[in-house]
């Protein structure tokens, strides 16, 4: 008997049993936040397509590493998924090198990319900057004297500034806060020079003229803010976005991965769901497990290089 046929026959009872149980999506952040909401949206849409309950299990802590560790050790039966993202499968393996109990590639099976969301770098009004090129020029004229606030270290907002430093060849000081709201208040008050924040949290303040939007960190202009240029228009190829996907533990049967992938893609194609993500400033992705794997490999390579060059730290 052909090996693939034999493997399918052996896996069939396990697959049938798994399809009778709820699916748990482990979310690496607390309930109620944007990551949790994004996970619930896709999970709720997948549930009727799979004919199984899909529940969320919030396991915050250690920049998303606790949730990743939990799923890496879970049974590979298709019922436990990680709502993975730019932390666990992009930034953290470089920032926490040698300190993680999981391998982002070896210990997981990618299912699908779900969504991405750009960040926004903005400046205090009194700086007089109108574009990211103005910040770069000012930083080159005064190395080490300008500062950029971030809500916390280890996020895509933080790494966007590290990438900017590397790509533009500038020396600026990163000021970490305990939350983006506090950093935003200080930017409005003129205490800090600039801020790297989620697009949708800073955008209302930019529209009302309290801060000056300089550049979106995604590869393309955001649908929510088409008049704000991307940093890539000044530094070609620049991209630092938050992204999310679904990962199963390694060795999950291929049949299960493909079943979950099909349901996720069908869910993400629903106009209502796409609008919900768009309202939150996110872009729906989708695609094959191989697409997800290629994206993750590229992310791991990018952030490993940024950490190596800049010496970025998570604490």
Protein backbone atom coordinates (compact mmCIF):
# COMPACT_ATOMS: atom_id res chain seq x y z
CA UNK A 1 0.00 0.00 0.00
CA UNK A 2 1.21 3.49 -0.87
CA UNK A 3 2.63 5.28 2.19
CA UNK A 4 0.38 8.31 1.69
CA UNK A 5 -2.72 6.09 1.45
CA UNK A 6 -1.72 4.21 4.59
CA UNK A 7 -1.11 7.45 6.49
CA UNK A 8 -4.52 8.76 5.46
CA UNK A 9 -6.23 5.58 6.67
CA UNK A 10 -4.43 5.71 10.00
CA UNK A 11 -5.28 9.39 10.45
CA UNK A 12 -8.97 9.03 9.53
CA UNK A 13 -10.25 7.95 12.99
CA UNK A 14 -8.32 10.77 14.68
CA UNK A 15 -9.68 13.31 12.21
CA UNK A 16 -13.25 12.10 12.74
CA UNK A 17 -12.82 12.32 16.51
CA UNK A 18 -11.32 15.82 16.30
CA UNK A 19 -14.23 17.02 14.17
CA UNK A 20 -16.63 16.15 16.99
CA UNK A 21 -14.85 18.41 19.50
CA UNK A 22 -14.70 22.19 19.91
CA UNK A 23 -11.78 24.06 18.36
CA UNK A 24 -9.86 26.34 20.68
CA UNK A 25 -8.07 29.42 19.36
CA UNK A 26 -5.43 30.46 21.86
CA UNK A 27 -5.02 34.24 21.88
CA UNK A 28 -1.77 35.70 23.28
CA UNK A 29 -3.41 38.88 24.62
CA UNK A 30 -6.21 39.74 27.09
CA UNK A 31 -9.92 39.74 26.18
CA UNK A 32 -11.39 42.84 24.59
CA UNK A 33 -8.29 44.11 22.80
CA UNK A 34 -7.85 44.31 19.02
CA UNK A 35 -6.05 40.96 18.80
CA UNK A 36 -8.79 39.22 20.76
CA UNK A 37 -11.49 40.81 18.62
CA UNK A 38 -9.72 39.80 15.40
CA UNK A 39 -9.46 36.20 16.63
CA UNK A 40 -13.12 36.05 17.65
CA UNK A 41 -14.25 37.44 14.31
CA UNK A 42 -12.58 34.73 12.26
CA UNK A 43 -13.37 32.01 14.80
CA UNK A 44 -17.08 32.85 14.87
CA UNK A 45 -17.20 32.86 11.08
CA UNK A 46 -15.38 29.53 10.80
CA UNK A 47 -17.58 27.72 13.33
CA UNK A 48 -20.67 27.10 11.13
CA UNK A 49 -18.46 26.25 8.17
CA UNK A 50 -16.71 23.54 10.18
CA UNK A 51 -19.81 22.41 12.04
CA UNK A 52 -17.89 22.76 15.31
CA UNK A 53 -17.88 25.27 18.14
CA UNK A 54 -14.85 27.60 17.94
CA UNK A 55 -13.91 29.20 21.24
CA UNK A 56 -11.14 31.60 22.23
CA UNK A 57 -8.74 30.95 25.07
CA UNK A 58 -6.86 34.06 26.20
CA UNK A 59 -3.37 33.33 27.54
CA UNK A 60 -1.54 36.67 27.75
CA UNK A 61 2.01 37.14 28.94
CA UNK A 62 5.65 37.32 27.91
CA UNK A 63 4.96 39.22 24.68
CA UNK A 64 2.85 36.36 23.33
CA UNK A 65 5.39 33.66 24.13
CA UNK A 66 3.26 31.93 26.79
CA UNK A 67 0.45 31.26 24.32
CA UNK A 68 2.89 30.03 21.70
CA UNK A 69 4.56 27.67 24.17
CA UNK A 70 1.16 26.26 25.16
CA UNK A 71 0.11 25.50 21.58
CA UNK A 72 3.52 24.12 20.64
CA UNK A 73 3.01 21.45 23.32
CA UNK A 74 -0.64 20.73 22.52
CA UNK A 75 -1.83 17.54 20.84
CA UNK A 76 -1.59 17.82 17.03
CA UNK A 77 -5.23 16.92 16.52
CA UNK A 78 -6.54 20.10 14.90
CA UNK A 79 -8.50 21.27 17.95
CA UNK A 80 -5.93 23.69 19.40
CA UNK A 81 -4.77 26.63 17.28
CA UNK A 82 -2.60 29.63 18.02
CA UNK A 83 -3.70 33.07 16.89
CA UNK A 84 -0.13 33.68 15.88
CA UNK A 85 1.37 36.89 14.67
CA UNK A 86 4.26 39.25 14.19
CA UNK A 87 5.37 38.67 17.77
CA UNK A 88 5.56 34.91 18.20
CA UNK A 89 6.38 34.20 14.55
CA UNK A 90 8.34 37.25 13.52
CA UNK A 91 9.97 39.44 16.14
CA UNK A 92 10.29 37.36 19.31
CA UNK A 93 12.63 34.66 18.00
CA UNK A 94 15.21 37.41 17.39
CA UNK A 95 14.51 39.58 20.44
CA UNK A 96 14.42 36.61 22.81
CA UNK A 97 17.07 34.51 21.07
CA UNK A 98 18.09 31.56 23.21
CA UNK A 99 15.29 32.18 25.71
CA UNK A 100 12.27 30.63 24.00
CA UNK A 101 11.04 27.11 24.63
CA UNK A 102 9.53 26.85 21.14
CA UNK A 103 10.80 27.13 17.59
CA UNK A 104 8.59 29.27 15.36
CA UNK A 105 9.12 26.98 12.37
CA UNK A 106 9.84 23.52 13.76
CA UNK A 107 7.08 23.40 16.41
CA UNK A 108 4.12 24.64 14.35
CA UNK A 109 2.15 23.92 11.20
CA UNK A 110 0.91 27.12 9.49
CA UNK A 111 -2.78 27.14 8.62
CA UNK A 112 -3.50 30.56 7.14
CA UNK A 113 -2.69 34.26 7.31
CA UNK A 114 -5.70 36.14 8.66
CA UNK A 115 -5.07 39.88 8.60
CA UNK A 116 -2.53 42.67 8.88
CA UNK A 117 -2.62 46.25 10.14
CA UNK A 118 -0.11 49.06 9.56
CA UNK A 119 1.29 51.45 12.11
CA UNK A 120 1.65 55.21 11.89
CA UNK A 121 4.64 57.37 12.77
CA UNK A 122 3.56 60.87 13.71
CA UNK A 123 5.19 63.95 15.21
CA UNK A 124 4.41 66.75 17.65
CA UNK A 125 3.02 69.75 15.82
CA UNK A 126 5.75 72.08 17.08
CA UNK A 127 8.42 70.01 15.30
CA UNK A 128 7.32 71.48 11.99
CA UNK A 129 7.71 68.18 10.10
CA UNK A 130 5.33 67.25 7.30
CA UNK A 131 6.77 63.92 6.13
CA UNK A 132 9.03 61.12 7.30
CA UNK A 133 11.83 62.66 5.23
CA UNK A 134 11.73 65.70 7.54
CA UNK A 135 12.24 63.51 10.61
CA UNK A 136 15.13 61.74 8.89
CA UNK A 137 16.76 65.05 7.96
CA UNK A 138 16.39 66.38 11.51
CA UNK A 139 17.80 63.17 12.98
CA UNK A 140 20.84 63.31 10.73
CA UNK A 141 21.46 66.91 11.77
CA UNK A 142 21.29 66.07 15.48
CA UNK A 143 22.35 62.41 16.04
CA UNK A 144 20.91 60.91 19.21
CA UNK A 145 18.96 64.01 20.20
CA UNK A 146 15.54 63.19 18.75
CA UNK A 147 13.25 60.71 20.47
CA UNK A 148 10.39 58.50 19.32
CA UNK A 149 7.88 57.10 21.80
CA UNK A 150 6.45 53.58 21.61
CA UNK A 151 3.71 52.04 23.71
CA UNK A 152 5.89 49.05 24.61
CA UNK A 153 9.00 47.26 23.47
CA UNK A 154 8.96 44.18 21.27
CA UNK A 155 5.95 45.29 19.24
CA UNK A 156 5.78 46.13 15.55
CA UNK A 157 5.52 49.78 16.60
CA UNK A 158 8.89 49.47 18.35
CA UNK A 159 10.46 47.49 15.55
CA UNK A 160 9.21 49.97 12.94
CA UNK A 161 11.44 52.58 14.61
CA UNK A 162 14.37 50.16 14.74
CA UNK A 163 13.86 49.42 11.04
CA UNK A 164 13.70 53.16 10.32
CA UNK A 165 16.99 53.67 12.16
CA UNK A 166 18.63 50.90 10.16
CA UNK A 167 17.24 51.81 6.74
CA UNK A 168 17.73 55.58 7.06
CA UNK A 169 21.06 55.34 8.89
CA UNK A 170 19.94 57.61 11.74
CA UNK A 171 20.52 57.69 15.49
CA UNK A 172 17.32 58.37 17.44
CA UNK A 173 16.32 57.51 20.99
CA UNK A 174 13.40 55.14 21.55
CA UNK A 175 11.30 55.98 24.62
CA UNK A 176 9.14 53.06 25.80
CA UNK A 177 5.90 53.69 27.70
CA UNK A 178 3.54 51.50 29.64
CA UNK A 179 0.86 51.71 27.02
CA UNK A 180 0.29 53.64 23.82
CA UNK A 181 -2.32 55.95 25.39
CA UNK A 182 0.26 57.54 27.68
CA UNK A 183 2.72 57.93 24.84
CA UNK A 184 0.06 59.56 22.68
CA UNK A 185 -0.77 62.04 25.45
CA UNK A 186 2.87 63.08 25.68
CA UNK A 187 3.10 63.49 21.90
CA UNK A 188 0.05 65.76 21.91
CA UNK A 189 1.60 67.70 24.78
CA UNK A 190 4.90 68.03 22.94
CA UNK A 191 6.93 66.08 25.50
CA UNK A 192 8.26 63.66 22.87
CA UNK A 193 9.26 64.37 19.28
CA UNK A 194 7.46 61.53 17.55
CA UNK A 195 5.39 58.41 18.15
CA UNK A 196 5.10 55.02 16.50
CA UNK A 197 1.59 53.72 17.18
CA UNK A 198 -1.20 51.68 15.66
CA UNK A 199 -2.76 53.51 12.72
CA UNK A 200 -6.31 53.51 14.03
CA UNK A 201 -5.44 54.77 17.51
CA UNK A 202 -3.39 57.73 16.27
CA UNK A 203 -5.38 58.59 13.15
CA UNK A 204 -8.26 60.46 14.85
CA UNK A 205 -5.78 62.78 16.56
CA UNK A 206 -3.97 63.41 13.27
CA UNK A 207 -7.26 64.21 11.55
CA UNK A 208 -8.15 66.70 14.28
CA UNK A 209 -4.77 68.40 13.98
CA UNK A 210 -3.40 67.51 17.41
CA UNK A 211 -0.45 65.63 15.91
CA UNK A 212 1.17 65.49 12.48
CA UNK A 213 1.03 62.18 10.57
CA UNK A 214 4.37 61.48 8.85
CA UNK A 215 4.10 58.02 7.35
CA UNK A 216 2.27 54.70 7.37
CA UNK A 217 4.50 51.68 7.94
CA UNK A 218 2.75 49.31 5.52
CA UNK A 219 3.89 48.58 1.96
CA UNK A 220 0.83 50.41 0.56
CA UNK A 221 -1.23 53.39 1.62
CA UNK A 222 -3.95 52.52 4.10
CA UNK A 223 -7.55 52.53 2.89
CA UNK A 224 -8.50 54.37 6.07
CA UNK A 225 -5.97 57.12 5.37
CA UNK A 226 -5.19 57.27 1.64
CA UNK A 227 -3.73 60.78 1.88
CA UNK A 228 -0.97 59.75 4.30
CA UNK A 229 2.10 58.50 2.38
CA UNK A 230 3.87 55.29 3.27
CA UNK A 231 7.40 55.32 4.61
CA UNK A 232 8.16 53.02 1.69
CA UNK A 233 7.62 55.96 -0.64
CA UNK A 234 10.75 57.47 0.94
CA UNK A 235 12.57 54.23 1.83
CA UNK A 236 11.58 51.65 -0.83
CA UNK A 237 10.68 48.24 0.57
CA UNK A 238 10.02 49.51 4.09
CA UNK A 239 7.33 47.47 5.87
CA UNK A 240 6.58 46.96 9.55
CA UNK A 241 3.01 45.81 10.09
CA UNK A 242 1.21 43.83 12.73
CA UNK A 243 -0.13 40.61 11.24
CA UNK A 244 -2.05 37.60 12.50
CA UNK A 245 -2.59 34.04 11.40
CA UNK A 246 -3.58 30.61 12.60
CA UNK A 247 -1.04 27.95 13.53
CA UNK A 248 -1.56 24.35 14.61
CA UNK A 249 1.01 22.30 16.52
CA UNK A 250 3.63 20.57 14.39
CA UNK A 251 2.67 17.18 12.95
CA UNK A 252 -1.01 18.03 12.68
CA UNK A 253 -2.30 15.85 9.81
CA UNK A 254 -2.29 17.59 6.45
CA UNK A 255 -5.97 16.78 5.97
CA UNK A 256 -6.81 18.74 9.11
CA UNK A 257 -4.66 21.69 8.07
CA UNK A 258 -6.34 21.86 4.67
CA UNK A 259 -9.82 21.59 6.20
CA UNK A 260 -9.09 24.46 8.59
CA UNK A 261 -7.48 26.48 5.81
CA UNK A 262 -10.51 26.08 3.55
CA UNK A 263 -12.89 27.17 6.31
CA UNK A 264 -10.73 30.17 7.18
CA UNK A 265 -10.50 31.32 3.56
CA UNK A 266 -14.23 30.93 3.11
CA UNK A 267 -14.83 32.93 6.29
CA UNK A 268 -12.40 35.66 5.26
CA UNK A 269 -14.16 36.02 1.91
CA UNK A 270 -17.44 37.03 3.57
CA UNK A 271 -18.16 40.73 2.84
CA UNK A 272 -19.47 41.39 6.36
CA UNK A 273 -16.34 39.97 7.96
CA UNK A 274 -14.07 41.86 5.58
CA UNK A 275 -15.87 45.09 6.46
CA UNK A 276 -15.46 44.43 10.18
CA UNK A 277 -11.71 44.08 9.69
CA UNK A 278 -11.60 47.16 7.46
CA UNK A 279 -13.42 49.20 10.10
CA UNK A 280 -10.61 48.26 12.49
CA UNK A 281 -7.97 49.37 9.98
CA UNK A 282 -6.98 45.82 9.05
CA UNK A 283 -6.45 44.14 5.71
CA UNK A 284 -7.80 40.61 5.19
CA UNK A 285 -5.14 38.21 3.91
CA UNK A 286 -5.99 34.51 3.50
CA UNK A 287 -4.16 32.14 1.18
CA UNK A 288 -2.58 28.71 1.47
CA UNK A 289 -0.52 27.24 4.32
CA UNK A 290 2.47 27.58 2.02
CA UNK A 291 1.76 31.31 1.62
CA UNK A 292 1.74 31.64 5.41
CA UNK A 293 5.01 29.74 5.73
CA UNK A 294 6.74 31.92 3.14
CA UNK A 295 5.54 35.06 4.90
CA UNK A 296 6.78 33.83 8.26
CA UNK A 297 10.19 32.90 6.90
CA UNK A 298 10.52 36.40 5.44
CA UNK A 299 9.46 38.02 8.71
CA UNK A 300 11.92 35.96 10.74
CA UNK A 301 14.72 36.93 8.37
CA UNK A 302 13.83 40.64 8.41
CA UNK A 303 13.61 41.04 12.17
CA UNK A 304 16.69 38.92 12.84
CA UNK A 305 18.66 41.32 10.65
CA UNK A 306 17.16 44.41 12.32
CA UNK A 307 17.97 43.09 15.79
CA UNK A 308 21.49 42.18 14.73
CA UNK A 309 22.21 45.59 13.22
CA UNK A 310 20.48 47.82 15.76
CA UNK A 311 20.96 45.81 18.94
CA UNK A 312 17.24 46.16 19.70
CA UNK A 313 16.17 44.82 23.08
CA UNK A 314 12.86 43.85 24.62
CA UNK A 315 13.73 45.17 28.07
